[in-house]
N, C-alpha and C. Protein backbone atom coordinates (compact mmCIF):
# COMPACT_ATOMS: atom_id res chain seq x y z
N MET A 1 146.95 71.31 159.71
CA MET A 1 146.37 71.65 160.97
C MET A 1 145.01 70.99 161.07
N GLY A 2 144.68 70.48 162.19
CA GLY A 2 143.36 69.94 162.46
C GLY A 2 142.79 70.67 163.66
N LEU A 3 141.49 70.82 163.70
CA LEU A 3 140.90 71.59 164.79
C LEU A 3 139.58 70.97 165.19
N ARG A 4 139.38 70.82 166.48
CA ARG A 4 138.08 70.42 166.99
C ARG A 4 137.67 71.47 168.00
N ARG A 5 136.63 72.21 167.68
CA ARG A 5 136.21 73.32 168.52
C ARG A 5 135.05 72.98 169.44
N ARG A 6 134.38 71.89 169.18
CA ARG A 6 133.23 71.50 170.01
C ARG A 6 133.35 70.05 170.42
N ARG A 7 132.77 69.78 171.52
CA ARG A 7 132.69 68.38 171.95
C ARG A 7 131.53 67.72 171.22
N PRO A 8 131.59 66.42 171.04
CA PRO A 8 130.49 65.73 170.35
C PRO A 8 129.15 65.94 171.06
N ALA A 9 128.07 65.92 170.29
CA ALA A 9 126.73 66.09 170.85
C ALA A 9 126.40 64.98 171.84
N SER A 10 127.09 63.86 171.73
CA SER A 10 126.83 62.74 172.63
C SER A 10 127.35 63.01 174.04
N GLY A 11 127.99 64.19 174.24
CA GLY A 11 128.44 64.53 175.58
C GLY A 11 129.83 64.04 175.92
N GLY A 12 130.64 63.79 174.91
CA GLY A 12 132.00 63.31 175.17
C GLY A 12 132.79 64.29 176.03
N THR A 13 133.79 63.80 176.70
CA THR A 13 134.58 64.64 177.59
C THR A 13 136.00 64.86 177.06
N ALA A 14 136.28 64.44 175.85
CA ALA A 14 137.61 64.62 175.28
C ALA A 14 137.92 66.12 175.19
N PRO A 15 139.16 66.49 175.47
CA PRO A 15 139.51 67.91 175.41
C PRO A 15 139.48 68.43 173.97
N LEU A 16 139.23 69.72 173.84
CA LEU A 16 139.29 70.35 172.54
C LEU A 16 140.74 70.32 172.09
N ALA A 17 140.96 70.31 170.76
CA ALA A 17 142.32 70.13 170.29
C ALA A 17 142.60 70.86 168.99
N THR A 18 143.86 71.22 168.80
CA THR A 18 144.36 71.74 167.54
C THR A 18 145.62 70.96 167.23
N ARG A 19 145.76 70.57 165.98
CA ARG A 19 146.94 69.80 165.57
C ARG A 19 147.61 70.53 164.42
N TYR A 20 148.89 70.76 164.55
CA TYR A 20 149.67 71.38 163.49
C TYR A 20 150.61 70.34 162.89
N ARG A 21 150.78 70.40 161.61
CA ARG A 21 151.69 69.47 160.94
C ARG A 21 152.81 70.28 160.30
N PHE A 22 154.04 70.05 160.74
CA PHE A 22 155.20 70.77 160.21
C PHE A 22 155.61 70.19 158.86
N THR A 23 155.94 71.07 157.93
CA THR A 23 156.53 70.66 156.65
C THR A 23 157.75 71.53 156.41
N PRO A 24 158.75 71.00 155.74
CA PRO A 24 160.00 71.74 155.57
C PRO A 24 159.91 72.88 154.54
N ASP A 25 158.84 72.93 153.77
CA ASP A 25 158.68 74.01 152.79
C ASP A 25 157.19 74.27 152.55
N ARG A 26 156.88 75.19 151.67
CA ARG A 26 155.48 75.58 151.44
C ARG A 26 154.94 75.08 150.10
N THR A 27 155.44 73.97 149.61
CA THR A 27 154.95 73.46 148.34
C THR A 27 153.56 72.86 148.50
N ALA A 28 152.82 72.85 147.41
CA ALA A 28 151.45 72.32 147.42
C ALA A 28 151.40 70.82 147.67
N ALA A 29 152.51 70.14 147.50
CA ALA A 29 152.52 68.68 147.68
C ALA A 29 152.12 68.29 149.10
N HIS A 30 152.45 69.10 150.07
CA HIS A 30 152.16 68.75 151.47
C HIS A 30 150.66 68.77 151.79
N PRO A 31 149.93 69.85 151.51
CA PRO A 31 148.50 69.79 151.79
C PRO A 31 147.78 68.78 150.91
N MET A 32 148.25 68.58 149.69
CA MET A 32 147.63 67.59 148.80
C MET A 32 147.78 66.19 149.39
N ALA A 33 148.95 65.86 149.91
CA ALA A 33 149.18 64.54 150.49
C ALA A 33 148.45 64.39 151.82
N HIS A 34 148.50 65.42 152.64
CA HIS A 34 147.88 65.36 153.97
C HIS A 34 146.36 65.24 153.89
N LEU A 35 145.76 65.90 152.90
CA LEU A 35 144.30 65.91 152.78
C LEU A 35 143.80 65.04 151.64
N ALA A 36 144.62 64.12 151.16
CA ALA A 36 144.21 63.21 150.09
C ALA A 36 142.96 62.44 150.54
N GLY A 37 141.96 62.41 149.70
CA GLY A 37 140.72 61.71 150.03
C GLY A 37 139.73 62.55 150.81
N PHE A 38 140.14 63.74 151.24
CA PHE A 38 139.25 64.64 151.99
C PHE A 38 138.24 65.24 151.02
N ARG A 39 136.95 65.14 151.33
CA ARG A 39 135.90 65.70 150.48
C ARG A 39 134.89 66.41 151.36
N SER A 40 135.15 67.66 151.65
CA SER A 40 134.24 68.42 152.48
C SER A 40 134.55 69.90 152.29
N PHE A 41 134.36 70.69 153.33
CA PHE A 41 134.61 72.13 153.28
C PHE A 41 135.94 72.43 153.94
N LEU A 42 136.70 73.35 153.35
CA LEU A 42 137.98 73.75 153.90
C LEU A 42 138.02 75.26 154.02
N GLN A 43 138.18 75.75 155.24
CA GLN A 43 138.35 77.18 155.45
C GLN A 43 139.83 77.44 155.62
N ALA A 44 140.37 78.25 154.74
CA ALA A 44 141.80 78.52 154.75
C ALA A 44 142.06 79.92 154.23
N ASP A 45 143.30 80.35 154.37
CA ASP A 45 143.66 81.65 153.82
C ASP A 45 143.87 81.51 152.31
N ALA A 46 144.46 82.48 151.70
CA ALA A 46 144.61 82.50 150.24
C ALA A 46 145.86 81.76 149.75
N TYR A 47 146.42 80.89 150.55
CA TYR A 47 147.61 80.12 150.17
C TYR A 47 147.31 79.29 148.92
N ALA A 48 148.09 79.51 147.87
CA ALA A 48 147.87 78.84 146.59
C ALA A 48 148.06 77.33 146.66
N GLY A 49 148.71 76.84 147.70
CA GLY A 49 148.93 75.41 147.86
C GLY A 49 147.64 74.61 148.01
N TYR A 50 146.53 75.28 148.35
CA TYR A 50 145.25 74.60 148.48
C TYR A 50 144.47 74.54 147.17
N ASP A 51 144.91 75.25 146.15
CA ASP A 51 144.15 75.33 144.90
C ASP A 51 143.86 73.96 144.29
N GLY A 52 144.83 73.05 144.34
CA GLY A 52 144.62 71.71 143.80
C GLY A 52 143.52 70.96 144.52
N LEU A 53 143.37 71.20 145.82
CA LEU A 53 142.30 70.56 146.58
C LEU A 53 140.94 71.06 146.11
N TYR A 54 140.86 72.36 145.81
CA TYR A 54 139.59 72.94 145.38
C TYR A 54 139.18 72.41 144.01
N ARG A 55 140.14 71.94 143.23
CA ARG A 55 139.83 71.35 141.92
C ARG A 55 139.53 69.86 142.01
N SER A 56 139.67 69.28 143.22
CA SER A 56 139.49 67.83 143.34
C SER A 56 138.37 67.43 144.30
N GLY A 57 137.39 68.30 144.48
CA GLY A 57 136.24 67.92 145.28
C GLY A 57 136.11 68.58 146.63
N VAL A 58 137.07 69.41 147.01
CA VAL A 58 136.99 70.13 148.28
C VAL A 58 136.32 71.48 148.00
N THR A 59 135.38 71.87 148.84
CA THR A 59 134.69 73.14 148.67
C THR A 59 135.39 74.21 149.49
N GLU A 60 135.80 75.28 148.80
CA GLU A 60 136.49 76.37 149.48
C GLU A 60 135.51 77.23 150.27
N VAL A 61 135.85 77.46 151.52
CA VAL A 61 135.10 78.38 152.36
C VAL A 61 136.11 79.48 152.69
N ALA A 62 135.99 80.60 152.00
CA ALA A 62 137.01 81.64 152.07
C ALA A 62 137.14 82.23 153.47
N CYS A 63 138.32 82.71 153.75
CA CYS A 63 138.61 83.40 155.01
C CYS A 63 138.00 84.79 154.93
N TRP A 64 137.16 85.13 155.89
CA TRP A 64 136.46 86.42 155.84
C TRP A 64 137.41 87.61 156.01
N VAL A 65 138.51 87.43 156.68
CA VAL A 65 139.47 88.53 156.82
C VAL A 65 140.03 88.89 155.45
N HIS A 66 140.38 87.88 154.66
CA HIS A 66 140.90 88.14 153.32
C HIS A 66 139.81 88.64 152.38
N PHE A 67 138.60 88.22 152.61
CA PHE A 67 137.48 88.64 151.78
C PHE A 67 137.28 90.16 151.83
N GLN A 68 137.53 90.75 152.98
CA GLN A 68 137.32 92.18 153.17
C GLN A 68 138.32 93.03 152.43
N ARG A 69 139.46 92.49 152.08
CA ARG A 69 140.52 93.27 151.43
C ARG A 69 140.23 93.52 149.98
């Protein structure tokens, strides 16, 4: 999934967008391949498929809903 919640500071007029990527199963191979080379912050739920990303330079920003549990 990709998400753009704000327009660029330069005043762009592009519409806000969300992109979902379908995968046939929930294996970790899909997020690892889709986010290969990504080095930033990732806010996600507790899905274990992201664990490999957190070990390879991605900083986990935990979901606050899950944090409360």
